Protein backbone atom coordinates (compact mmCIF):
# COMPACT_ATOMS: atom_id res chain seq x y z
CA MET A 1 -6.85 12.90 7.11
CA SER A 2 -5.06 9.89 5.60
CA ASN A 3 -4.66 6.68 7.60
CA HIS A 4 -2.00 5.26 5.29
CA TYR A 5 1.44 4.35 6.57
CA SER A 6 4.64 2.97 5.11
CA LEU A 7 5.13 -0.73 5.78
CA ARG A 8 8.83 -0.36 4.87
CA LYS A 9 9.33 2.32 7.50
CA LYS A 10 7.38 0.35 10.09
CA LEU A 11 9.45 -2.78 9.53
CA LEU A 12 12.71 -0.81 9.61
CA LEU A 13 11.56 0.93 12.80
CA TYR A 14 10.50 -2.31 14.48
CA ILE A 15 13.88 -3.87 13.66
CA SER A 16 16.22 -0.92 14.26
CA VAL A 17 14.74 0.28 17.59
CA PRO A 18 14.97 -3.15 19.34
CA LEU A 19 18.46 -3.59 17.87
CA LEU A 20 19.62 -0.24 19.25
CA LEU A 21 17.97 -0.86 22.62
CA ALA A 22 19.54 -4.33 22.81
CA SER A 23 22.93 -2.83 21.99
CA LEU A 24 22.56 -0.15 24.69
CA ILE A 25 21.42 -2.71 27.26
CA THR A 26 24.32 -4.99 26.30
CA LEU A 27 26.78 -2.12 26.68
CA SER A 28 25.27 -1.18 30.05
CA ILE A 29 25.46 -4.76 31.34
CA ALA A 30 28.98 -5.15 29.94
CA PHE A 31 30.06 -1.90 31.63
CA LYS A 32 28.67 -2.91 35.03
CA SER A 33 30.07 -6.41 34.78
CA ALA A 34 33.49 -5.20 33.59
CA TRP A 35 33.63 -2.51 36.29
CA HIS A 36 32.78 -5.05 38.97
CA GLU A 37 35.43 -7.45 37.74
CA ILE A 38 38.04 -4.70 37.45
CA GLU A 39 37.30 -3.61 41.02
CA GLU A 40 37.68 -7.17 42.22
CA VAL A 41 40.92 -7.76 40.31
CA TYR A 42 42.56 -4.51 41.34
CA ASP A 43 41.44 -4.86 44.97
CA ALA A 44 42.88 -8.36 45.02
CA GLN A 45 46.07 -6.95 43.57
CA LEU A 46 46.28 -4.38 46.38
CA VAL A 47 45.84 -7.14 48.94
CA ASN A 48 48.45 -9.24 47.21
CA HIS A 49 50.91 -6.32 47.12
CA ALA A 50 50.39 -5.77 50.83
CA LYS A 51 50.97 -9.43 51.72
CA VAL A 52 54.02 -9.76 49.49
CA LEU A 53 55.49 -6.59 50.93
CA LEU A 54 54.86 -7.79 54.49
CA GLN A 55 56.54 -11.14 53.83
CA LEU A 56 59.53 -9.42 52.27
CA LEU A 57 60.04 -6.92 55.11
CA GLU A 58 58.66 -8.56 58.23
CA HIS A 59 61.88 -10.37 59.22
CA GLU A 60 64.14 -7.39 58.51
CA LEU A 61 61.85 -4.97 60.38
CA ILE A 62 61.83 -7.13 63.54
CA GLU A 63 65.58 -7.60 63.52
CA GLU A 64 66.46 -4.02 62.50
CA GLN A 65 64.06 -2.15 64.77
CA ASP A 66 66.43 0.71 65.43
CA ASN A 67 67.38 1.40 61.81
CA ASP A 68 66.24 4.55 60.04
CA ALA A 69 63.72 4.52 57.25
CA PHE A 70 64.85 3.08 53.95
CA THR A 71 63.55 2.99 50.38
CA ILE A 72 62.49 -0.33 48.89
CA LEU A 73 62.30 0.83 45.26
CA SER A 74 65.02 2.49 43.24
CA LYS A 75 64.37 6.03 42.04
CA GLU A 76 66.39 5.43 38.88
CA SER A 77 64.19 6.62 36.01
CA SER A 78 65.50 3.85 33.76
CA LEU A 79 64.12 1.26 36.19
CA GLN A 80 60.67 2.79 36.48
CA HIS A 81 57.54 1.91 34.50
CA GLN A 82 55.17 4.60 33.19
CA TYR A 83 52.31 3.23 35.33
CA GLU A 84 54.42 3.06 38.49
CA LYS A 85 53.38 6.58 39.48
CA ASN A 86 49.81 5.30 39.80
CA ILE A 87 50.76 2.81 42.55
CA ALA A 88 51.91 3.76 46.03
CA LEU A 89 53.27 1.62 48.89
CA ARG A 90 54.00 2.62 52.52
CA VAL A 91 55.13 0.59 55.56
CA TRP A 92 55.03 1.56 59.27
CA HIS A 93 56.68 -0.23 62.16
CA ASN A 94 55.81 0.77 65.69
CA ASN A 95 53.92 3.78 64.23
CA LYS A 96 57.03 4.93 62.43
CA LEU A 97 57.12 5.25 58.65
CA ILE A 98 59.85 2.89 57.57
CA THR A 99 59.65 3.01 53.75
CA GLN A 100 57.51 4.31 50.92
CA THR A 101 57.53 4.58 47.14
CA ALA A 102 58.22 7.88 45.41
CA SER A 103 54.58 8.14 44.35
CA ALA A 104 53.49 8.11 48.03
CA GLU A 105 55.60 11.09 49.08
CA GLY A 106 52.70 13.46 48.40
CA PHE A 107 50.54 11.67 51.02
CA GLU A 108 52.62 13.25 53.83
CA SER A 109 51.05 12.40 57.22
CA PHE A 110 47.79 11.09 55.82
CA GLN A 111 46.86 7.55 56.95
CA ALA A 112 43.94 5.58 55.56
CA PRO A 113 41.78 3.41 57.85
CA PRO A 114 42.34 -0.38 57.93
CA GLY A 115 40.82 -2.35 55.04
CA PHE A 116 39.57 -0.93 51.77
CA SER A 117 38.66 2.72 51.40
CA ASP A 118 38.36 5.41 48.74
CA GLN A 119 40.24 8.62 49.48
CA ARG A 120 40.80 11.88 47.66
CA ILE A 121 44.34 13.27 47.87
CA ASN A 122 45.47 16.36 46.00
CA ASN A 123 42.17 16.31 44.05
CA GLU A 124 42.83 12.78 42.89
CA LYS A 125 40.83 9.71 43.84
CA TRP A 126 42.81 6.80 45.25
CA ARG A 127 41.87 3.28 46.29
CA PHE A 128 43.57 2.21 49.56
CA PHE A 129 44.09 -1.08 51.29
CA VAL A 130 45.65 -1.09 54.76
CA PHE A 131 46.80 -4.29 56.45
CA LEU A 132 47.69 -4.37 60.19
CA GLU A 133 50.00 -6.99 61.57
CA THR A 134 49.24 -6.41 65.29
CA GLU A 135 51.65 -8.97 66.67
CA ASN A 136 54.70 -7.06 65.48
CA ASN A 137 52.94 -3.71 65.16
CA ILE A 138 53.51 -3.52 61.38
CA ARG A 139 51.22 -1.49 59.14
CA VAL A 140 51.32 -2.02 55.34
CA GLU A 141 49.48 0.38 53.05
CA THR A 142 48.98 -0.18 49.31
CA SER A 143 47.10 2.21 47.06
CA GLU A 144 46.52 3.10 43.44
CA ARG A 145 44.94 5.87 41.46
CA TYR A 146 41.41 5.26 40.16
CA ALA A 147 42.67 6.60 36.83
CA ILE A 148 44.09 3.12 36.11
CA ARG A 149 40.68 1.56 36.55
CA TYR A 150 38.97 4.25 34.50
CA GLU A 151 41.50 3.82 31.73
CA LEU A 152 41.01 0.07 31.62
CA ILE A 153 37.19 0.24 31.65
CA SER A 154 37.32 2.91 28.92
CA ALA A 155 39.50 0.69 26.78
CA MET A 156 37.17 -2.28 27.29
CA ILE A 157 34.02 -0.27 26.51
CA ALA A 158 35.70 1.28 23.46
CA ALA A 159 36.55 -2.24 22.30
CA LEU A 160 32.81 -2.99 22.46
CA ILE A 161 31.49 0.33 21.08
CA ILE A 162 33.74 0.61 18.03
CA PRO A 163 32.62 -2.75 16.53
CA LEU A 164 29.00 -1.85 17.33
CA LEU A 165 29.34 1.49 15.53
CA ILE A 166 30.33 -0.48 12.45
CA PHE A 167 28.07 -3.47 13.04
CA ILE A 168 24.75 -1.65 13.71
CA PRO A 169 24.76 0.58 10.56
CA LEU A 170 25.84 -2.44 8.52
CA VAL A 171 22.98 -4.55 9.91
CA LEU A 172 20.47 -1.73 9.34
CA PHE A 173 21.70 -1.30 5.76
CA ILE A 174 21.36 -5.06 5.13
CA VAL A 175 17.84 -5.01 6.65
CA TRP A 176 16.89 -1.99 4.52
CA LYS A 177 18.18 -3.67 1.36
CA ALA A 178 16.40 -6.92 2.25
CA ILE A 179 13.09 -5.09 2.86
CA ASN A 180 13.36 -3.21 -0.45
CA THR A 181 14.27 -6.40 -2.32
CA ASN A 182 11.33 -8.30 -0.85
CA PHE A 183 8.96 -5.43 -1.62
CA LYS A 184 9.96 -5.24 -5.29
CA PRO A 185 7.42 -7.90 -6.44
CA ILE A 186 4.63 -5.99 -4.66
CA VAL A 187 5.74 -2.69 -6.22
CA ALA A 188 5.94 -4.40 -9.63
CA ILE A 189 2.38 -5.72 -9.25
CA SER A 190 1.13 -2.26 -8.21
CA SER A 191 2.80 -0.69 -11.24
CA SER A 192 1.42 -3.39 -13.57
CA VAL A 193 -2.14 -2.98 -12.27
CA ASP A 194 -1.88 0.82 -12.45
CA LYS A 195 -0.94 0.65 -16.17
CA ARG A 196 -3.91 -1.54 -17.08
CA ASN A 197 -6.79 -0.32 -19.19
CA SER A 198 -10.18 -0.07 -17.52
CA ASP A 199 -11.42 -3.10 -19.47
CA ASP A 200 -8.50 -5.35 -18.50
CA LEU A 201 -9.85 -7.58 -15.74
CA SER A 202 -7.43 -10.47 -16.28
CA PRO A 203 -6.05 -12.15 -13.12
CA ILE A 204 -3.00 -10.65 -11.45
CA SER A 205 0.04 -12.88 -11.69
CA TYR A 206 1.44 -13.60 -8.22
CA ASN A 207 4.53 -15.72 -8.85
CA ARG A 208 7.39 -15.30 -6.36
CA LEU A 209 5.28 -13.37 -3.88
CA PRO A 210 5.54 -13.67 -0.08
CA SER A 211 3.08 -16.20 1.29
CA GLU A 212 1.57 -13.44 3.46
CA ILE A 213 0.64 -11.38 0.34
CA SER A 214 -0.54 -14.23 -1.90
CA PRO A 215 -3.97 -14.61 -0.18
CA LEU A 216 -4.66 -10.92 -0.81
CA ILE A 217 -3.77 -11.22 -4.51
CA GLN A 218 -5.90 -14.37 -4.79
CA ALA A 219 -8.83 -12.55 -3.18
CA ILE A 220 -8.39 -9.63 -5.62
CA ASN A 221 -8.30 -12.09 -8.54
CA ARG A 222 -11.54 -13.67 -7.37
CA LEU A 223 -13.08 -10.19 -7.13
CA LEU A 224 -11.86 -9.36 -10.65
CA GLU A 225 -13.40 -12.61 -11.89
CA ARG A 226 -16.76 -11.71 -10.32
CA ILE A 227 -16.61 -8.17 -11.75
CA SER A 228 -15.69 -9.53 -15.19
CA TYR A 229 -18.61 -11.95 -15.08
CA SER A 230 -20.97 -9.17 -13.95
CA LEU A 231 -19.81 -6.82 -16.73
CA LYS A 232 -20.12 -9.59 -19.29
CA ARG A 233 -23.71 -10.23 -18.22
CA GLU A 234 -24.41 -6.49 -18.36
CA LYS A 235 -22.98 -6.21 -21.88
CA GLU A 236 -24.90 -9.27 -23.00
CA PHE A 237 -28.09 -7.80 -21.57
CA THR A 238 -27.46 -4.42 -23.29
CA ASP A 239 -26.74 -6.11 -26.61
CA HIS A 240 -29.77 -8.38 -26.35
CA ALA A 241 -32.09 -5.58 -25.21
CA ALA A 242 -30.93 -3.28 -28.00
CA HIS A 243 -31.53 -5.99 -30.61
CA GLN A 244 -34.97 -6.68 -29.16
CA LEU A 245 -35.84 -2.99 -29.21
CA LEU A 246 -34.83 -2.44 -32.83
CA THR A 247 -37.45 -4.83 -34.20
CA PRO A 248 -40.56 -3.19 -32.62
CA LEU A 249 -39.17 0.27 -33.37
CA ALA A 250 -38.75 -0.62 -37.04
CA ALA A 251 -42.30 -2.02 -37.08
CA MET A 252 -43.66 1.11 -35.39
CA LYS A 253 -41.90 3.35 -37.92
CA THR A 254 -43.26 1.31 -40.82
CA GLN A 255 -46.81 1.52 -39.45
CA ALA A 256 -46.50 5.27 -38.90
CA GLN A 257 -45.20 5.77 -42.45
CA VAL A 258 -48.10 3.71 -43.83
CA MET A 259 -50.57 5.81 -41.83
CA GLN A 260 -48.92 8.99 -43.09
CA LYS A 261 -49.21 7.80 -46.70
CA ARG A 262 -52.86 6.84 -46.28
CA ILE A 263 -53.67 10.24 -44.80
CA GLU A 264 -52.05 11.91 -47.82
CA GLU A 265 -53.95 9.58 -50.20
CA VAL A 266 -57.36 10.48 -48.75
CA ASP A 267 -56.35 14.13 -48.65
CA TYR A 268 -56.81 14.35 -44.92
CA LYS A 269 -55.87 17.92 -44.26
CA LYS A 270 -56.18 18.27 -40.49
CA PRO A 271 -52.76 19.74 -39.49
CA GLU A 272 -52.89 18.45 -35.90
CA HIS A 273 -53.02 14.84 -37.15
CA ARG A 274 -50.10 15.45 -39.50
CA GLU A 275 -48.08 17.02 -36.64
CA ASP A 276 -48.85 14.10 -34.35
CA LEU A 277 -47.61 11.65 -36.96
CA ASN A 278 -44.44 13.68 -37.57
CA TYR A 279 -43.78 13.84 -33.85
CA LEU A 280 -44.29 10.07 -33.60
CA LEU A 281 -41.83 9.47 -36.45
CA GLN A 282 -39.26 11.76 -34.82
CA SER A 283 -39.65 9.92 -31.48
CA ILE A 284 -39.15 6.60 -33.23
CA ASP A 285 -36.04 7.91 -35.02
CA ARG A 286 -34.58 9.19 -31.73
CA SER A 287 -35.26 5.85 -30.02
CA ALA A 288 -33.72 3.93 -32.92
CA HIS A 289 -30.70 6.24 -32.87
CA MET A 290 -30.19 5.63 -29.14
CA VAL A 291 -30.54 1.86 -29.59
CA GLU A 292 -27.98 1.94 -32.41
CA LYS A 293 -25.60 3.82 -30.15
CA LEU A 294 -26.12 1.24 -27.40
CA LEU A 295 -25.43 -1.55 -29.88
CA SER A 296 -22.32 0.24 -31.10
CA LEU A 297 -21.02 0.70 -27.55
CA SER A 298 -21.81 -2.91 -26.68
CA ARG A 299 -19.99 -4.24 -29.76
CA LEU A 300 -16.97 -2.06 -29.03
CA GLN A 301 -16.78 -3.20 -25.41
CA ASN A 302 -17.15 -6.87 -26.32
CA ASN A 303 -14.39 -6.80 -28.92
CA LYS A 304 -10.67 -6.33 -28.65
CA PHE A 305 -9.33 -3.95 -31.25
CA PRO A 306 -7.01 -5.39 -33.93
CA PHE A 307 -4.42 -2.63 -34.08
CA ALA A 308 -2.86 -1.92 -37.46
CA VAL A 309 -1.25 0.99 -39.30
CA PHE A 310 -3.73 2.88 -41.50
CA ASN A 311 -3.92 6.21 -43.34
CA LEU A 312 -5.69 8.62 -40.99
CA SER A 313 -5.88 11.38 -43.63
CA ASP A 314 -7.85 9.16 -46.05
CA CYS A 315 -10.07 7.90 -43.22
CA LEU A 316 -10.95 11.46 -42.14
CA SER A 317 -11.60 12.59 -45.71
CA GLY A 318 -14.02 9.69 -46.22
CA ILE A 319 -15.94 10.53 -43.05
CA ILE A 320 -16.28 14.18 -44.12
CA CYS A 321 -17.73 13.07 -47.47
CA ASP A 322 -20.33 10.98 -45.63
CA VAL A 323 -21.62 13.96 -43.61
CA ASP A 324 -21.42 16.43 -46.48
CA ALA A 325 -25.15 16.10 -47.29
CA ALA A 326 -26.16 16.85 -43.70
CA LEU A 327 -23.94 19.95 -43.74
CA SER A 328 -25.63 21.21 -46.90
CA ASN A 329 -29.12 20.74 -45.42
CA LYS A 330 -28.28 23.09 -42.50
CA ASN A 331 -26.31 25.52 -44.68
CA ILE A 332 -23.20 25.00 -42.52
CA LYS A 333 -19.84 26.14 -43.84
CA LEU A 334 -17.14 23.50 -43.53
CA THR A 335 -13.45 24.36 -43.40
CA VAL A 336 -11.01 21.45 -43.85
CA ASP A 337 -7.25 21.46 -43.31
CA ILE A 338 -5.97 17.89 -43.49
CA ASN A 339 -2.29 17.07 -43.89
CA GLU A 340 -1.77 14.33 -46.42
CA ASP A 341 -0.55 10.81 -45.70
CA VAL A 342 -0.76 11.00 -41.89
CA LYS A 343 -0.58 7.42 -40.61
CA THR A 344 -1.41 6.07 -37.17
CA LEU A 345 -1.57 2.76 -35.32
CA GLY A 346 -4.99 1.62 -34.11
CA ASP A 347 -8.29 0.09 -35.10
CA GLU A 348 -9.54 1.98 -38.16
CA ALA A 349 -13.20 1.00 -37.65
CA SER A 350 -13.38 2.25 -34.05
CA ILE A 351 -11.35 5.40 -34.84
CA SER A 352 -13.86 6.10 -37.65
CA ILE A 353 -16.75 5.74 -35.19
CA MET A 354 -15.01 8.15 -32.80
CA ILE A 355 -14.46 10.82 -35.46
CA THR A 356 -18.00 10.34 -36.86
CA ASN A 357 -19.52 10.84 -33.42
CA LEU A 358 -17.48 14.01 -32.90
CA LEU A 359 -18.59 15.41 -36.30
CA GLU A 360 -22.22 14.44 -35.67
CA ASN A 361 -22.06 16.14 -32.27
CA ALA A 362 -20.65 19.32 -33.86
CA LEU A 363 -23.26 19.17 -36.63
CA LYS A 364 -26.09 18.70 -34.14
CA TYR A 365 -25.26 21.75 -32.04
CA THR A 366 -24.12 24.09 -34.83
CA PRO A 367 -27.00 26.37 -35.85
CA GLU A 368 -28.01 26.97 -39.48
CA GLY A 369 -25.57 29.26 -41.22
CA GLY A 370 -22.82 28.38 -38.75
CA PHE A 371 -19.44 26.82 -39.41
CA ILE A 372 -17.43 23.69 -38.58
CA SER A 373 -13.66 23.49 -38.90
CA VAL A 374 -11.78 20.17 -39.17
CA GLY A 375 -8.00 20.01 -39.00
CA LEU A 376 -5.39 17.25 -38.94
CA SER A 377 -1.73 18.19 -38.40
CA SER A 378 1.29 16.13 -39.40
CA ASP A 379 1.89 15.17 -35.76
CA GLY A 380 -1.55 13.52 -35.46
CA ALA A 381 -3.46 16.33 -33.72
CA LEU A 382 -7.11 16.15 -34.83
CA THR A 383 -9.17 19.30 -34.12
CA ILE A 384 -12.91 19.78 -34.67
CA GLN A 385 -14.32 23.25 -33.96
CA ASP A 386 -17.95 24.37 -34.23
CA SER A 387 -19.94 27.57 -33.70
CA GLY A 388 -22.52 26.05 -31.37
CA PRO A 389 -23.28 27.02 -27.76
CA GLY A 390 -20.28 25.14 -26.35
CA ILE A 391 -20.21 23.22 -23.05
CA LEU A 392 -19.95 24.66 -19.58
CA GLU A 393 -16.39 24.20 -18.29
CA LYS A 394 -17.60 22.42 -15.15
CA ASN A 395 -19.24 19.77 -17.40
CA HIS A 396 -16.19 19.06 -19.60
CA GLU A 397 -15.57 15.77 -17.81
CA LYS A 398 -19.23 14.87 -17.18
CA VAL A 399 -20.22 14.95 -20.87
CA PHE A 400 -18.19 11.78 -21.39
CA GLU A 401 -20.45 9.91 -18.97
CA ARG A 402 -23.19 7.75 -20.44
CA PHE A 403 -26.61 9.42 -20.83
CA PHE A 404 -25.35 12.76 -19.50
CA ARG A 405 -26.73 15.83 -21.26
CA GLU A 406 -26.50 19.47 -20.26
CA LYS A 407 -29.74 20.96 -18.93
CA HIS A 408 -29.67 23.84 -21.40
CA ALA A 409 -29.11 21.56 -24.41
CA SER A 410 -31.83 22.30 -26.97
CA GLU A 411 -31.03 19.45 -29.36
CA SER A 412 -32.29 15.93 -28.74
CA GLY A 413 -29.80 13.11 -28.25
CA SER A 414 -29.07 9.85 -26.49
CA GLY A 415 -26.18 11.08 -24.36
CA LEU A 416 -24.02 8.21 -25.64
CA GLY A 417 -22.02 9.78 -28.50
CA LEU A 418 -19.26 11.38 -26.43
CA SER A 419 -19.24 8.39 -24.05
CA ILE A 420 -18.33 6.19 -27.02
CA VAL A 421 -15.70 8.73 -28.10
CA LYS A 422 -14.13 8.66 -24.63
CA TRP A 423 -14.17 4.86 -24.47
CA ILE A 424 -12.43 4.50 -27.86
CA ALA A 425 -9.85 7.18 -26.94
CA ASP A 426 -9.05 5.43 -23.66
CA ALA A 427 -8.78 2.05 -25.39
CA HIS A 428 -6.19 3.59 -27.77
CA GLN A 429 -4.53 5.57 -24.93
CA LEU A 430 -5.23 8.86 -26.73
CA LYS A 431 -5.35 12.27 -25.09
CA LEU A 432 -8.76 13.93 -25.51
CA SER A 433 -9.51 17.54 -24.56
CA LEU A 434 -12.44 19.96 -24.73
CA LYS A 435 -12.14 23.75 -24.81
CA ASN A 436 -14.64 26.51 -25.40
CA ASN A 437 -13.83 29.03 -28.12
CA GLU A 438 -13.00 32.21 -26.20
CA LYS A 439 -13.06 34.48 -29.28
CA THR A 440 -16.54 33.60 -30.59
CA THR A 441 -18.76 30.71 -29.53
CA GLY A 442 -18.60 26.96 -29.89
CA LEU A 443 -16.53 24.03 -28.77
CA ILE A 444 -13.02 22.94 -29.77
CA VAL A 445 -12.42 19.17 -29.48
CA SER A 446 -8.86 17.92 -29.80
CA VAL A 447 -7.69 14.31 -30.11
CA PHE A 448 -3.96 13.60 -30.19
CA LEU A 449 -3.23 10.43 -32.16
CA LYS A 450 0.14 8.73 -32.36
CA THR A 451 1.64 9.04 -35.83
CA ILE A 452 3.74 6.43 -37.60
CA ASN A 453 6.66 7.60 -39.72
CA ASN A 454 6.79 6.33 -43.27
């Protein structure tokens, strides 16, 4: 189970969630505050209406006690406002309804209690204020539909929500763009490091990086420096050890050859002695071969290849000529199909070592009387096929490791040849593949080189 997470998503989440919560809390507070203020304003308006109405009618009501009820507002439609139906006024004198607005006619005999109260009339909610003037027995009632208040609060909240619906996505988009922009240097560094060769341990450039990331890059650079130093010491040790080993091995071989010559001179015919000397010479040759491979690998790893365009067809033909004698000794049939004038970009010396190692590997495992096929197509595909035992499919990747040899391998070897091939191919960014011959036996090795047009 992976423990990785996206820092982009986390940052966006940590910014967007608080922003949305803050917006919701702000809207909630604004709603409560606005509703409270609207209640206060409209209640004060009801009180004011009641007092104004009392002052206007009090004198006339006292003097005209015996008059019938009269209307204080005209019912002319041209004089009415669209919101007037939401406000109702009624006045009583001596418990007798004196006047009322047209909007109050539906109240009939209903009377609200003194002061403020909420009442439901004809399935509509109304806010009432009743004022009693006890001295002259005058009762003034003002009321309004709650729909007015709801409409006003809705308009106010809409005025807040609509800008937020534009503002919040805009802010989140700006945050998202800012996060992506600030992460670009980190992504660029990741991409640059990912494209490096395995031998490139140069420091990572960290210009224009966030100060929070710079310490990490500096720590990685220090680690790369330590690894580079360690690998350099290892290569130096391998090179030095290989050079030191070659001298005693050469001396041992010389001494063994001298002993072999002396035995032949004195006509010493004991076969077991002759076999022991031959075995000793073979052991020395194998050791020298392994040391030479180590030296070759060390030199390759310590040098940077000078890439240049060269004729791959001529290079391959020359290598085949060099191994022709070894092919004749084992009676191996060689088939060659090389396209002429195929050119590639790379280091000719290291490419030659790679091809030589592949041919030597094929020669080593091909039995006497077998065959080896070498082909080079015009698109740079190099194929070497042999009739040996092949390699188990599960070991196709392992054979490129240093000193790895299959358990069933009958031929002696250092286990470094294919490791050098793999290292050179990687250094040139070449595709290398192994495949067993399904029709007969043997191994098919393919290297895909990049051709250069004339």
